[in-house]
Amino acid sequence: MKVRKAISWAITAALIIFWSFPVAFIGAISNVDTLCTTYSWLAWLCPLNDIVKGIIGGILPPVLLAVLNMLLPIVLRLLAKFEGIPKRTGLELSLMHRFFIFQVFVRCLALFICRSN
């Protein structure tokens, strides 16, 4: 049980590190005008209609973040089940601990990645 717990927390730590990249990418999508002027391969975004740019920059990032955040509890709950926690209340408590740690670190890593670009 201790080995499964260590593996579960190691996977959670790896998930925290690798989850920050899609979150940072989704955050970068929200600034379409800067993307199309900074990166030449995204120059096709500049001549688009303002409505389309508004949809890409205003609606798409929150929807993608919502989808990512909907998947997160499912994955964390599966990791808690893998750990071998016997009761549902224990599973939910483990899920909430992991989710809190996850939210704090992913937000910090995403800010760090966005500011370094």
N, C-alpha and C. Protein backbone atom coordinates (compact mmCIF):
# COMPACT_ATOMS: atom_id res chain seq x y z
N MET A 1 0.83 -1.19 0.00
CA MET A 1 0.00 0.00 0.00
C MET A 1 0.88 1.26 0.00
N LYS A 2 2.00 1.21 0.71
CA LYS A 2 2.91 2.37 0.73
C LYS A 2 3.54 2.61 -0.63
N VAL A 3 3.85 1.53 -1.34
CA VAL A 3 4.43 1.66 -2.68
C VAL A 3 3.41 2.27 -3.63
N ARG A 4 2.16 1.81 -3.55
CA ARG A 4 1.12 2.38 -4.40
C ARG A 4 0.88 3.85 -4.08
N LYS A 5 0.96 4.20 -2.80
CA LYS A 5 0.80 5.60 -2.41
C LYS A 5 1.94 6.45 -2.98
N ALA A 6 3.16 5.95 -2.92
CA ALA A 6 4.30 6.69 -3.47
C ALA A 6 4.17 6.84 -4.98
N ILE A 7 3.76 5.77 -5.66
CA ILE A 7 3.56 5.85 -7.11
C ILE A 7 2.46 6.84 -7.44
N SER A 8 1.37 6.80 -6.68
CA SER A 8 0.24 7.69 -6.92
C SER A 8 0.65 9.16 -6.76
N TRP A 9 1.41 9.47 -5.72
CA TRP A 9 1.84 10.85 -5.51
C TRP A 9 2.90 11.26 -6.53
N ALA A 10 3.71 10.33 -6.98
CA ALA A 10 4.69 10.64 -8.04
C ALA A 10 3.97 10.98 -9.34
N ILE A 11 2.93 10.22 -9.65
CA ILE A 11 2.14 10.52 -10.85
C ILE A 11 1.43 11.86 -10.70
N THR A 12 0.95 12.15 -9.50
CA THR A 12 0.31 13.44 -9.25
C THR A 12 1.31 14.58 -9.45
N ALA A 13 2.53 14.41 -8.95
CA ALA A 13 3.56 15.45 -9.14
C ALA A 13 3.89 15.63 -10.62
N ALA A 14 4.00 14.53 -11.35
CA ALA A 14 4.27 14.63 -12.79
C ALA A 14 3.10 15.30 -13.50
N LEU A 15 1.90 14.99 -13.08
CA LEU A 15 0.71 15.60 -13.66
C LEU A 15 0.69 17.11 -13.42
N ILE A 16 1.11 17.52 -12.24
CA ILE A 16 1.18 18.95 -11.93
C ILE A 16 2.15 19.64 -12.88
N ILE A 17 3.30 19.04 -13.09
CA ILE A 17 4.31 19.67 -13.95
C ILE A 17 3.84 19.70 -15.40
N PHE A 18 3.32 18.60 -15.90
CA PHE A 18 2.96 18.55 -17.31
C PHE A 18 1.61 19.18 -17.62
N TRP A 19 0.75 19.37 -16.64
CA TRP A 19 -0.55 20.00 -16.85
C TRP A 19 -0.39 21.51 -17.04
N SER A 20 0.69 22.07 -16.52
CA SER A 20 0.88 23.52 -16.62
C SER A 20 1.13 23.97 -18.05
N PHE A 21 1.68 23.10 -18.90
CA PHE A 21 1.94 23.48 -20.28
C PHE A 21 0.65 23.71 -21.07
N PRO A 22 -0.34 22.82 -21.00
CA PRO A 22 -1.60 23.13 -21.70
C PRO A 22 -2.30 24.36 -21.13
N VAL A 23 -2.20 24.56 -19.82
CA VAL A 23 -2.84 25.72 -19.21
C VAL A 23 -2.15 27.01 -19.69
N ALA A 24 -0.83 26.99 -19.78
CA ALA A 24 -0.11 28.16 -20.28
C ALA A 24 -0.42 28.41 -21.75
N PHE A 25 -0.53 27.34 -22.53
CA PHE A 25 -0.87 27.47 -23.94
C PHE A 25 -2.26 28.06 -24.11
N ILE A 26 -3.20 27.60 -23.32
CA ILE A 26 -4.56 28.12 -23.40
C ILE A 26 -4.59 29.59 -22.98
N GLY A 27 -3.77 29.94 -22.00
CA GLY A 27 -3.67 31.35 -21.60
C GLY A 27 -3.08 32.21 -22.70
N ALA A 28 -2.15 31.66 -23.45
CA ALA A 28 -1.54 32.42 -24.55
C ALA A 28 -2.52 32.62 -25.70
N ILE A 29 -3.45 31.70 -25.88
CA ILE A 29 -4.44 31.82 -26.95
C ILE A 29 -5.31 33.06 -26.75
N SER A 30 -5.50 33.46 -25.50
CA SER A 30 -6.41 34.57 -25.23
C SER A 30 -5.92 35.90 -25.80
N ASN A 31 -4.64 36.02 -26.15
CA ASN A 31 -4.12 37.25 -26.71
C ASN A 31 -3.78 37.03 -28.19
N VAL A 32 -4.79 37.01 -29.02
CA VAL A 32 -4.66 36.67 -30.44
C VAL A 32 -3.82 37.71 -31.18
N ASP A 33 -4.03 38.99 -30.90
CA ASP A 33 -3.32 40.03 -31.63
C ASP A 33 -1.81 39.94 -31.44
N THR A 34 -1.38 39.70 -30.23
CA THR A 34 0.05 39.56 -29.97
C THR A 34 0.61 38.30 -30.61
N LEU A 35 -0.15 37.23 -30.59
CA LEU A 35 0.32 35.98 -31.20
C LEU A 35 0.54 36.13 -32.69
N CYS A 36 -0.39 36.80 -33.37
CA CYS A 36 -0.26 36.89 -34.83
C CYS A 36 0.86 37.82 -35.25
N THR A 37 1.21 38.79 -34.42
CA THR A 37 2.32 39.68 -34.77
C THR A 37 3.67 39.13 -34.32
N THR A 38 3.68 38.35 -33.26
CA THR A 38 4.95 37.83 -32.74
C THR A 38 5.44 36.63 -33.52
N TYR A 39 4.55 35.71 -33.83
CA TYR A 39 4.93 34.47 -34.50
C TYR A 39 4.46 34.50 -35.95
N SER A 40 5.41 34.34 -36.87
CA SER A 40 5.08 34.44 -38.31
C SER A 40 4.17 33.31 -38.77
N TRP A 41 4.26 32.14 -38.15
CA TRP A 41 3.43 31.03 -38.58
C TRP A 41 1.98 31.20 -38.14
N LEU A 42 1.71 32.20 -37.28
CA LEU A 42 0.33 32.51 -36.89
C LEU A 42 -0.16 33.81 -37.53
N ALA A 43 0.54 34.26 -38.57
CA ALA A 43 0.17 35.52 -39.24
C ALA A 43 -1.21 35.42 -39.88
N TRP A 44 -1.69 34.23 -40.16
CA TRP A 44 -3.01 34.06 -40.77
C TRP A 44 -4.13 34.50 -39.83
N LEU A 45 -3.82 34.67 -38.52
CA LEU A 45 -4.84 35.13 -37.57
C LEU A 45 -5.11 36.63 -37.67
N CYS A 46 -4.09 37.40 -38.11
CA CYS A 46 -4.24 38.86 -38.14
C CYS A 46 -5.36 39.34 -39.05
N PRO A 47 -5.48 38.84 -40.27
CA PRO A 47 -6.55 39.37 -41.14
C PRO A 47 -7.95 38.85 -40.83
N LEU A 48 -8.09 38.00 -39.84
CA LEU A 48 -9.42 37.47 -39.53
C LEU A 48 -10.35 38.58 -39.04
N ASN A 49 -11.61 38.34 -39.16
CA ASN A 49 -12.65 39.24 -38.69
C ASN A 49 -12.53 39.41 -37.17
N ASP A 50 -12.94 40.58 -36.65
CA ASP A 50 -12.88 40.83 -35.21
C ASP A 50 -13.78 39.88 -34.43
N ILE A 51 -14.87 39.46 -35.03
CA ILE A 51 -15.77 38.52 -34.34
C ILE A 51 -15.08 37.18 -34.15
N VAL A 52 -14.41 36.71 -35.19
CA VAL A 52 -13.70 35.43 -35.09
C VAL A 52 -12.56 35.53 -34.08
N LYS A 53 -11.82 36.65 -34.10
CA LYS A 53 -10.76 36.85 -33.11
C LYS A 53 -11.33 36.90 -31.70
N GLY A 54 -12.49 37.52 -31.57
CA GLY A 54 -13.14 37.57 -30.26
C GLY A 54 -13.55 36.20 -29.76
N ILE A 55 -14.02 35.37 -30.66
CA ILE A 55 -14.39 34.00 -30.28
C ILE A 55 -13.14 33.21 -29.88
N ILE A 56 -12.07 33.33 -30.70
CA ILE A 56 -10.84 32.59 -30.40
C ILE A 56 -10.22 33.08 -29.10
N GLY A 57 -10.18 34.39 -28.90
CA GLY A 57 -9.52 34.93 -27.72
C GLY A 57 -10.40 35.04 -26.49
N GLY A 58 -11.71 35.08 -26.67
CA GLY A 58 -12.59 35.30 -25.53
C GLY A 58 -13.37 34.09 -25.07
N ILE A 59 -13.81 33.26 -26.01
CA ILE A 59 -14.65 32.12 -25.65
C ILE A 59 -13.86 30.83 -25.57
N LEU A 60 -12.95 30.63 -26.51
CA LEU A 60 -12.22 29.37 -26.59
C LEU A 60 -11.36 29.07 -25.35
N PRO A 61 -10.57 30.02 -24.82
CA PRO A 61 -9.76 29.69 -23.64
C PRO A 61 -10.57 29.26 -22.41
N PRO A 62 -11.64 29.95 -22.02
CA PRO A 62 -12.40 29.46 -20.87
C PRO A 62 -13.03 28.10 -21.08
N VAL A 63 -13.48 27.84 -22.32
CA VAL A 63 -14.09 26.53 -22.60
C VAL A 63 -13.03 25.43 -22.48
N LEU A 64 -11.85 25.66 -23.05
CA LEU A 64 -10.79 24.65 -22.96
C LEU A 64 -10.33 24.45 -21.52
N LEU A 65 -10.22 25.52 -20.75
CA LEU A 65 -9.85 25.38 -19.34
C LEU A 65 -10.93 24.63 -18.55
N ALA A 66 -12.18 24.88 -18.89
CA ALA A 66 -13.26 24.16 -18.21
C ALA A 66 -13.19 22.67 -18.51
N VAL A 67 -12.90 22.32 -19.76
CA VAL A 67 -12.78 20.91 -20.11
C VAL A 67 -11.60 20.27 -19.37
N LEU A 68 -10.46 20.96 -19.35
CA LEU A 68 -9.31 20.43 -18.61
C LEU A 68 -9.62 20.26 -17.13
N ASN A 69 -10.30 21.25 -16.56
CA ASN A 69 -10.62 21.17 -15.13
C ASN A 69 -11.73 20.17 -14.83
N MET A 70 -12.52 19.80 -15.83
CA MET A 70 -13.51 18.73 -15.63
C MET A 70 -12.83 17.36 -15.61
N LEU A 71 -11.77 17.22 -16.38
CA LEU A 71 -11.06 15.95 -16.44
C LEU A 71 -10.18 15.71 -15.21
N LEU A 72 -9.72 16.79 -14.61
CA LEU A 72 -8.79 16.68 -13.50
C LEU A 72 -9.31 15.88 -12.31
N PRO A 73 -10.50 16.15 -11.77
CA PRO A 73 -10.96 15.35 -10.64
C PRO A 73 -11.11 13.86 -10.96
N ILE A 74 -11.46 13.56 -12.20
CA ILE A 74 -11.59 12.16 -12.59
C ILE A 74 -10.24 11.46 -12.49
N VAL A 75 -9.21 12.11 -13.01
CA VAL A 75 -7.86 11.52 -12.97
C VAL A 75 -7.36 11.42 -11.54
N LEU A 76 -7.56 12.47 -10.75
CA LEU A 76 -7.09 12.45 -9.36
C LEU A 76 -7.84 11.42 -8.52
N ARG A 77 -9.12 11.24 -8.79
CA ARG A 77 -9.89 10.22 -8.07
C ARG A 77 -9.40 8.82 -8.43
N LEU A 78 -9.05 8.60 -9.70
CA LEU A 78 -8.50 7.30 -10.10
C LEU A 78 -7.16 7.03 -9.41
N LEU A 79 -6.35 8.07 -9.27
CA LEU A 79 -5.09 7.91 -8.56
C LEU A 79 -5.31 7.58 -7.09
N ALA A 80 -6.31 8.21 -6.48
CA ALA A 80 -6.62 7.91 -5.09
C ALA A 80 -7.14 6.48 -4.94
N LYS A 81 -7.92 6.01 -5.91
CA LYS A 81 -8.39 4.62 -5.88
C LYS A 81 -7.22 3.65 -6.04
N PHE A 82 -6.29 4.00 -6.92
CA PHE A 82 -5.11 3.17 -7.12
C PHE A 82 -4.29 3.06 -5.83
N GLU A 83 -4.32 4.13 -5.06
CA GLU A 83 -3.58 4.16 -3.80
C GLU A 83 -4.11 3.13 -2.80
N GLY A 84 -5.37 2.78 -2.91
CA GLY A 84 -5.94 1.76 -2.05
C GLY A 84 -6.70 2.30 -0.86
N ILE A 85 -7.23 3.49 -0.96
CA ILE A 85 -8.02 4.08 0.12
C ILE A 85 -9.36 3.35 0.16
N PRO A 86 -9.73 2.80 1.34
CA PRO A 86 -10.89 1.90 1.38
C PRO A 86 -12.26 2.58 1.35
N LYS A 87 -12.41 3.77 1.91
CA LYS A 87 -13.73 4.38 2.01
C LYS A 87 -13.86 5.56 1.06
N ARG A 88 -15.09 5.81 0.67
CA ARG A 88 -15.34 6.91 -0.27
C ARG A 88 -15.00 8.26 0.34
N THR A 89 -15.23 8.45 1.62
CA THR A 89 -14.88 9.72 2.25
C THR A 89 -13.37 9.93 2.22
N GLY A 90 -12.61 8.87 2.38
CA GLY A 90 -11.16 8.97 2.29
C GLY A 90 -10.71 9.31 0.87
N LEU A 91 -11.41 8.71 -0.09
CA LEU A 91 -11.12 9.02 -1.50
C LEU A 91 -11.36 10.50 -1.80
N GLU A 92 -12.49 11.00 -1.34
CA GLU A 92 -12.83 12.40 -1.60
C GLU A 92 -11.89 13.34 -0.88
N LEU A 93 -11.48 12.98 0.34
CA LEU A 93 -10.53 13.82 1.06
C LEU A 93 -9.17 13.84 0.35
N SER A 94 -8.73 12.70 -0.13
CA SER A 94 -7.49 12.64 -0.89
C SER A 94 -7.61 13.44 -2.18
N LEU A 95 -8.76 13.34 -2.83
CA LEU A 95 -9.00 14.11 -4.04
C LEU A 95 -8.91 15.61 -3.76
N MET A 96 -9.51 16.06 -2.68
CA MET A 96 -9.48 17.49 -2.36
C MET A 96 -8.07 17.96 -2.01
N HIS A 97 -7.30 17.14 -1.32
CA HIS A 97 -5.89 17.50 -1.01
C HIS A 97 -5.10 17.63 -2.30
N ARG A 98 -5.23 16.65 -3.17
CA ARG A 98 -4.51 16.68 -4.44
C ARG A 98 -4.97 17.85 -5.31
N PHE A 99 -6.25 18.09 -5.32
CA PHE A 99 -6.78 19.17 -6.15
C PHE A 99 -6.28 20.53 -5.68
N PHE A 100 -6.23 20.73 -4.37
CA PHE A 100 -5.72 22.00 -3.83
C PHE A 100 -4.25 22.19 -4.19
N ILE A 101 -3.45 21.16 -3.95
CA ILE A 101 -2.02 21.24 -4.29
C ILE A 101 -1.87 21.47 -5.79
N PHE A 102 -2.66 20.77 -6.55
CA PHE A 102 -2.62 20.89 -7.99
C PHE A 102 -2.91 22.32 -8.44
N GLN A 103 -3.98 22.90 -7.94
CA GLN A 103 -4.37 24.25 -8.35
C GLN A 103 -3.30 25.28 -8.01
N VAL A 104 -2.73 25.17 -6.82
CA VAL A 104 -1.70 26.14 -6.41
C VAL A 104 -0.48 26.04 -7.31
N PHE A 105 0.03 24.83 -7.51
CA PHE A 105 1.26 24.69 -8.28
C PHE A 105 1.07 24.92 -9.77
N VAL A 106 -0.03 24.48 -10.34
CA VAL A 106 -0.25 24.68 -11.78
C VAL A 106 -0.39 26.16 -12.08
N ARG A 107 -1.09 26.90 -11.25
CA ARG A 107 -1.23 28.34 -11.49
C ARG A 107 0.13 29.03 -11.40
N CYS A 108 0.94 28.64 -10.41
CA CYS A 108 2.27 29.24 -10.28
C CYS A 108 3.15 28.89 -11.47
N LEU A 109 3.14 27.62 -11.89
CA LEU A 109 3.95 27.21 -13.03
C LEU A 109 3.48 27.86 -14.33
N ALA A 110 2.19 27.98 -14.50
CA ALA A 110 1.67 28.61 -15.72
C ALA A 110 2.06 30.08 -15.77
N LEU A 111 2.01 30.77 -14.65
CA LEU A 111 2.45 32.16 -14.62
C LEU A 111 3.94 32.27 -14.93
N PHE A 112 4.71 31.37 -14.39
CA PHE A 112 6.16 31.38 -14.65
C PHE A 112 6.45 31.13 -16.12
N ILE A 113 5.76 30.17 -16.73
CA ILE A 113 5.98 29.86 -18.14
C ILE A 113 5.55 31.03 -19.03
N CYS A 114 4.40 31.63 -18.72
CA CYS A 114 3.92 32.75 -19.54
C CYS A 114 4.84 33.96 -19.42
N ARG A 115 5.37 34.21 -18.26
CA ARG A 115 6.23 35.38 -18.08
C ARG A 115 7.60 35.16 -18.70
N SER A 116 8.06 33.90 -18.81
CA SER A 116 9.36 33.64 -19.40
C SER A 116 9.34 33.74 -20.92
N ASN A 117 8.15 33.68 -21.53
CA ASN A 117 8.06 33.79 -23.01
C ASN A 117 8.04 35.20 -23.41
